N, C-alpha and C. Protein backbone atom coordinates (compact mmCIF):
# COMPACT_ATOMS: atom_id res chain seq x y z
N MET A 1 -7.34 -7.98 17.48
CA MET A 1 -7.28 -8.65 16.19
C MET A 1 -5.82 -8.90 15.84
N ASN A 2 -5.50 -10.11 15.41
CA ASN A 2 -4.14 -10.47 15.04
C ASN A 2 -3.94 -10.37 13.53
N ILE A 3 -2.69 -10.19 13.12
CA ILE A 3 -2.38 -10.19 11.70
C ILE A 3 -2.73 -11.57 11.16
N PRO A 4 -3.44 -11.63 10.03
CA PRO A 4 -3.83 -12.92 9.47
C PRO A 4 -2.60 -13.76 9.12
N THR A 5 -2.69 -15.06 9.40
CA THR A 5 -1.57 -15.95 9.11
C THR A 5 -1.69 -16.59 7.73
N ASN A 6 -2.85 -16.49 7.11
CA ASN A 6 -2.97 -17.03 5.75
C ASN A 6 -2.65 -15.93 4.74
N ASP A 7 -2.70 -16.27 3.46
CA ASP A 7 -2.32 -15.32 2.42
C ASP A 7 -3.50 -14.58 1.81
N SER A 8 -4.59 -14.47 2.52
CA SER A 8 -5.78 -13.83 1.98
C SER A 8 -5.64 -12.31 2.02
N LEU A 9 -5.70 -11.69 0.85
CA LEU A 9 -5.66 -10.23 0.77
C LEU A 9 -6.88 -9.63 1.45
N GLN A 10 -8.01 -10.32 1.35
CA GLN A 10 -9.22 -9.82 2.00
C GLN A 10 -9.04 -9.78 3.52
N ASN A 11 -8.45 -10.81 4.09
CA ASN A 11 -8.20 -10.82 5.53
C ASN A 11 -7.22 -9.72 5.92
N LEU A 12 -6.19 -9.55 5.11
CA LEU A 12 -5.21 -8.50 5.38
C LEU A 12 -5.85 -7.13 5.31
N GLN A 13 -6.67 -6.90 4.30
CA GLN A 13 -7.35 -5.61 4.16
C GLN A 13 -8.26 -5.36 5.35
N SER A 14 -8.98 -6.37 5.81
CA SER A 14 -9.85 -6.22 6.99
C SER A 14 -9.03 -5.89 8.23
N TYR A 15 -7.92 -6.59 8.39
CA TYR A 15 -7.04 -6.36 9.54
C TYR A 15 -6.52 -4.92 9.52
N ILE A 16 -6.04 -4.47 8.37
CA ILE A 16 -5.47 -3.13 8.27
C ILE A 16 -6.54 -2.07 8.54
N TRP A 17 -7.75 -2.28 8.05
CA TRP A 17 -8.80 -1.30 8.32
C TRP A 17 -9.13 -1.26 9.81
N GLN A 18 -9.14 -2.43 10.46
CA GLN A 18 -9.39 -2.45 11.90
C GLN A 18 -8.28 -1.71 12.64
N MET A 19 -7.04 -1.90 12.22
CA MET A 19 -5.92 -1.18 12.85
C MET A 19 -6.05 0.32 12.62
N ASN A 20 -6.53 0.73 11.44
CA ASN A 20 -6.76 2.15 11.18
C ASN A 20 -7.80 2.69 12.16
N LYS A 21 -8.86 1.95 12.38
CA LYS A 21 -9.89 2.39 13.32
C LYS A 21 -9.33 2.46 14.73
N ASP A 22 -8.60 1.42 15.14
CA ASP A 22 -8.02 1.37 16.48
C ASP A 22 -7.04 2.52 16.72
N ARG A 23 -6.33 2.92 15.68
CA ARG A 23 -5.30 3.95 15.81
C ARG A 23 -5.79 5.35 15.46
N GLY A 24 -7.06 5.45 15.08
CA GLY A 24 -7.63 6.76 14.77
C GLY A 24 -7.29 7.29 13.39
N PHE A 25 -6.92 6.40 12.48
CA PHE A 25 -6.57 6.80 11.11
C PHE A 25 -7.69 6.53 10.12
N ASN A 26 -8.87 6.22 10.60
CA ASN A 26 -9.98 5.87 9.70
C ASN A 26 -10.74 7.14 9.27
N THR A 27 -10.02 8.04 8.66
CA THR A 27 -10.60 9.28 8.17
C THR A 27 -11.70 8.99 7.16
N THR A 28 -12.65 9.88 7.06
CA THR A 28 -13.72 9.71 6.07
C THR A 28 -13.39 10.46 4.78
N ASP A 29 -12.21 11.04 4.72
CA ASP A 29 -11.81 11.83 3.56
C ASP A 29 -10.77 11.06 2.74
N PRO A 30 -11.17 10.49 1.61
CA PRO A 30 -10.22 9.73 0.80
C PRO A 30 -9.01 10.54 0.34
N SER A 31 -9.17 11.84 0.17
CA SER A 31 -8.03 12.64 -0.28
C SER A 31 -6.91 12.65 0.76
N LYS A 32 -7.25 12.59 2.04
CA LYS A 32 -6.21 12.53 3.08
C LYS A 32 -5.47 11.20 3.01
N LYS A 33 -6.19 10.13 2.77
CA LYS A 33 -5.56 8.82 2.66
C LYS A 33 -4.69 8.76 1.41
N LEU A 34 -5.12 9.41 0.34
CA LEU A 34 -4.34 9.44 -0.89
C LEU A 34 -3.03 10.20 -0.67
N VAL A 35 -3.09 11.29 0.07
CA VAL A 35 -1.87 12.05 0.37
C VAL A 35 -0.91 11.17 1.17
N MET A 36 -1.43 10.40 2.11
CA MET A 36 -0.58 9.48 2.87
C MET A 36 0.05 8.44 1.95
N LEU A 37 -0.72 7.93 1.00
CA LEU A 37 -0.20 6.94 0.05
C LEU A 37 0.93 7.54 -0.79
N ILE A 38 0.73 8.75 -1.27
CA ILE A 38 1.75 9.42 -2.08
C ILE A 38 3.02 9.61 -1.26
N GLU A 39 2.86 9.97 0.00
CA GLU A 39 4.02 10.14 0.88
C GLU A 39 4.79 8.83 1.02
N GLU A 40 4.07 7.74 1.24
CA GLU A 40 4.72 6.43 1.40
C GLU A 40 5.40 5.98 0.10
N VAL A 41 4.77 6.25 -1.03
CA VAL A 41 5.38 5.89 -2.32
C VAL A 41 6.67 6.69 -2.51
N GLY A 42 6.67 7.95 -2.10
CA GLY A 42 7.87 8.76 -2.16
C GLY A 42 9.00 8.18 -1.31
N GLU A 43 8.66 7.72 -0.12
CA GLU A 43 9.66 7.10 0.74
C GLU A 43 10.18 5.80 0.12
N LEU A 44 9.30 5.06 -0.53
CA LEU A 44 9.72 3.85 -1.23
C LEU A 44 10.68 4.19 -2.37
N ALA A 45 10.38 5.24 -3.11
CA ALA A 45 11.26 5.67 -4.20
C ALA A 45 12.63 6.04 -3.66
N LYS A 46 12.65 6.73 -2.56
CA LYS A 46 13.91 7.14 -1.96
C LYS A 46 14.73 5.92 -1.53
N ALA A 47 14.05 4.95 -0.94
CA ALA A 47 14.74 3.73 -0.52
C ALA A 47 15.25 2.94 -1.72
N THR A 48 14.50 2.94 -2.80
CA THR A 48 14.90 2.21 -4.00
C THR A 48 16.13 2.85 -4.64
N ARG A 49 16.25 4.15 -4.53
CA ARG A 49 17.43 4.84 -5.07
C ARG A 49 18.71 4.22 -4.52
N LYS A 50 18.70 3.87 -3.26
CA LYS A 50 19.88 3.27 -2.63
C LYS A 50 20.21 1.95 -3.31
N ILE A 51 19.21 1.15 -3.55
CA ILE A 51 19.42 -0.18 -4.12
C ILE A 51 20.00 -0.09 -5.53
N VAL A 52 19.51 0.84 -6.33
CA VAL A 52 19.96 0.94 -7.72
C VAL A 52 21.21 1.81 -7.88
N GLY A 53 21.72 2.33 -6.77
CA GLY A 53 22.99 3.03 -6.80
C GLY A 53 22.91 4.50 -7.17
N LEU A 54 21.74 5.11 -7.11
CA LEU A 54 21.65 6.54 -7.35
C LEU A 54 22.11 7.28 -6.10
N LYS A 55 22.46 8.53 -6.27
CA LYS A 55 22.91 9.31 -5.12
C LYS A 55 21.78 9.42 -4.10
N PHE A 56 22.15 9.41 -2.83
CA PHE A 56 21.17 9.55 -1.77
C PHE A 56 21.81 10.18 -0.56
N THR A 57 20.97 10.64 0.35
CA THR A 57 21.46 11.29 1.56
C THR A 57 21.68 10.26 2.66
N ASP A 58 22.22 10.71 3.77
CA ASP A 58 22.42 9.81 4.91
C ASP A 58 21.10 9.22 5.39
N THR A 59 20.03 10.00 5.35
CA THR A 59 18.74 9.47 5.81
C THR A 59 18.23 8.39 4.88
N THR A 60 18.55 8.49 3.60
CA THR A 60 18.12 7.46 2.65
C THR A 60 18.79 6.14 2.97
N SER A 61 20.06 6.17 3.35
CA SER A 61 20.78 4.93 3.61
C SER A 61 20.18 4.17 4.79
N GLN A 62 19.43 4.86 5.63
CA GLN A 62 18.81 4.22 6.78
C GLN A 62 17.43 3.65 6.45
N THR A 63 16.95 3.94 5.25
CA THR A 63 15.61 3.52 4.87
C THR A 63 15.60 2.06 4.48
N ASN A 64 14.58 1.36 4.91
CA ASN A 64 14.44 -0.05 4.61
C ASN A 64 13.36 -0.22 3.55
N VAL A 65 13.73 -0.70 2.38
CA VAL A 65 12.78 -0.86 1.28
C VAL A 65 11.64 -1.77 1.69
N ARG A 66 11.94 -2.81 2.39
CA ARG A 66 10.90 -3.76 2.84
C ARG A 66 9.84 -3.04 3.67
N GLU A 67 10.29 -2.19 4.59
CA GLU A 67 9.36 -1.44 5.43
C GLU A 67 8.54 -0.45 4.61
N GLU A 68 9.18 0.20 3.65
CA GLU A 68 8.47 1.19 2.83
C GLU A 68 7.42 0.51 1.96
N LEU A 69 7.75 -0.66 1.40
CA LEU A 69 6.75 -1.42 0.64
C LEU A 69 5.57 -1.77 1.53
N ALA A 70 5.85 -2.17 2.77
CA ALA A 70 4.78 -2.49 3.71
C ALA A 70 3.93 -1.26 3.99
N ASP A 71 4.57 -0.11 4.18
CA ASP A 71 3.82 1.13 4.42
C ASP A 71 2.89 1.44 3.24
N VAL A 72 3.41 1.29 2.02
CA VAL A 72 2.59 1.54 0.84
C VAL A 72 1.39 0.61 0.82
N GLN A 73 1.63 -0.68 1.11
CA GLN A 73 0.53 -1.66 1.13
C GLN A 73 -0.50 -1.31 2.20
N ILE A 74 -0.02 -0.94 3.37
CA ILE A 74 -0.93 -0.61 4.47
C ILE A 74 -1.82 0.58 4.11
N VAL A 75 -1.21 1.64 3.59
CA VAL A 75 -2.00 2.84 3.26
C VAL A 75 -2.91 2.56 2.07
N LEU A 76 -2.43 1.81 1.08
CA LEU A 76 -3.26 1.48 -0.08
C LEU A 76 -4.49 0.67 0.34
N LEU A 77 -4.31 -0.33 1.19
CA LEU A 77 -5.44 -1.13 1.64
C LEU A 77 -6.37 -0.31 2.53
N SER A 78 -5.81 0.64 3.28
CA SER A 78 -6.65 1.54 4.08
C SER A 78 -7.53 2.40 3.18
N LEU A 79 -6.93 2.94 2.12
CA LEU A 79 -7.69 3.75 1.17
C LEU A 79 -8.77 2.90 0.50
N ALA A 80 -8.44 1.68 0.14
CA ALA A 80 -9.42 0.78 -0.47
C ALA A 80 -10.59 0.53 0.48
N SER A 81 -10.30 0.31 1.74
CA SER A 81 -11.37 0.09 2.72
C SER A 81 -12.23 1.33 2.87
N LEU A 82 -11.59 2.49 2.92
CA LEU A 82 -12.32 3.74 3.06
C LEU A 82 -13.28 3.95 1.89
N LEU A 83 -12.86 3.51 0.70
CA LEU A 83 -13.68 3.67 -0.49
C LEU A 83 -14.54 2.44 -0.77
N ASP A 84 -14.54 1.49 0.17
CA ASP A 84 -15.33 0.27 0.07
C ASP A 84 -14.98 -0.53 -1.19
N VAL A 85 -13.68 -0.67 -1.45
CA VAL A 85 -13.19 -1.44 -2.59
C VAL A 85 -12.56 -2.72 -2.07
N ASP A 86 -13.04 -3.85 -2.55
CA ASP A 86 -12.45 -5.15 -2.24
C ASP A 86 -11.27 -5.32 -3.19
N MET A 87 -10.05 -5.22 -2.66
CA MET A 87 -8.87 -5.20 -3.52
C MET A 87 -8.65 -6.51 -4.27
N ILE A 88 -8.95 -7.63 -3.67
CA ILE A 88 -8.74 -8.89 -4.38
C ILE A 88 -9.67 -8.96 -5.58
N GLU A 89 -10.90 -8.50 -5.40
CA GLU A 89 -11.85 -8.48 -6.50
C GLU A 89 -11.43 -7.44 -7.55
N ALA A 90 -10.95 -6.30 -7.11
CA ALA A 90 -10.50 -5.26 -8.04
C ALA A 90 -9.32 -5.76 -8.87
N VAL A 91 -8.39 -6.46 -8.23
CA VAL A 91 -7.24 -6.99 -8.95
C VAL A 91 -7.68 -8.06 -9.95
N ARG A 92 -8.59 -8.92 -9.53
CA ARG A 92 -9.10 -9.95 -10.44
C ARG A 92 -9.76 -9.33 -11.67
N GLU A 93 -10.61 -8.33 -11.44
CA GLU A 93 -11.30 -7.67 -12.54
C GLU A 93 -10.31 -6.96 -13.47
N LYS A 94 -9.34 -6.27 -12.88
CA LYS A 94 -8.35 -5.55 -13.69
C LYS A 94 -7.49 -6.51 -14.48
N GLU A 95 -7.09 -7.61 -13.86
CA GLU A 95 -6.26 -8.59 -14.55
C GLU A 95 -7.02 -9.23 -15.71
N GLU A 96 -8.31 -9.42 -15.55
CA GLU A 96 -9.12 -9.95 -16.64
C GLU A 96 -9.07 -8.99 -17.84
N LYS A 97 -9.16 -7.69 -17.59
CA LYS A 97 -9.02 -6.70 -18.66
C LYS A 97 -7.61 -6.73 -19.25
N ASN A 98 -6.61 -6.82 -18.37
CA ASN A 98 -5.22 -6.82 -18.83
C ASN A 98 -4.94 -7.99 -19.76
N ARG A 99 -5.52 -9.13 -19.47
CA ARG A 99 -5.30 -10.32 -20.31
C ARG A 99 -5.77 -10.12 -21.74
N LYS A 100 -6.73 -9.26 -21.92
CA LYS A 100 -7.30 -9.02 -23.24
C LYS A 100 -6.56 -7.94 -24.00
N ARG A 101 -5.64 -7.25 -23.35
CA ARG A 101 -4.89 -6.16 -23.97
C ARG A 101 -3.67 -6.68 -24.73
N SER A 102 -3.26 -5.91 -25.70
CA SER A 102 -2.02 -6.20 -26.41
C SER A 102 -0.91 -5.41 -25.71
N TRP A 103 0.15 -6.07 -25.33
CA TRP A 103 1.22 -5.43 -24.55
C TRP A 103 2.48 -5.17 -25.36
N LYS A 104 2.37 -5.20 -26.67
CA LYS A 104 3.57 -4.97 -27.50
C LYS A 104 3.52 -3.64 -28.18
C-alpha cells in the first residue's frame, strides 16, 4: 500500500492503520496507543521549545518539529482506527459544535 497522494484524511487514516498492521503495532488496547500518543506529543513539545527559544538540551536541538508533528498524526490516526473513529467525520461533527459556541 502506498501513501495516498490526495488530501483525503480518510485515505491517510486507512494507510496508517494498514502500516500499523504490517509493522505489528495494531494493538487491541487503546491505552497503549494513548501512551504512544502522549510520548509523541512530549517529543513535539520538546522540539517546539527550540523554535520558541526556551532552554533545551543537545538532543532537543537535533529534533525535527516536522517529524514530531508527523509522529503525533500517525499515532493519533492509529488510535482513531483502533477505536473505529472516522477522524474526518469526527472533526466535521466537532467543528459543527464549535461553530455554535461563543469564543469570547
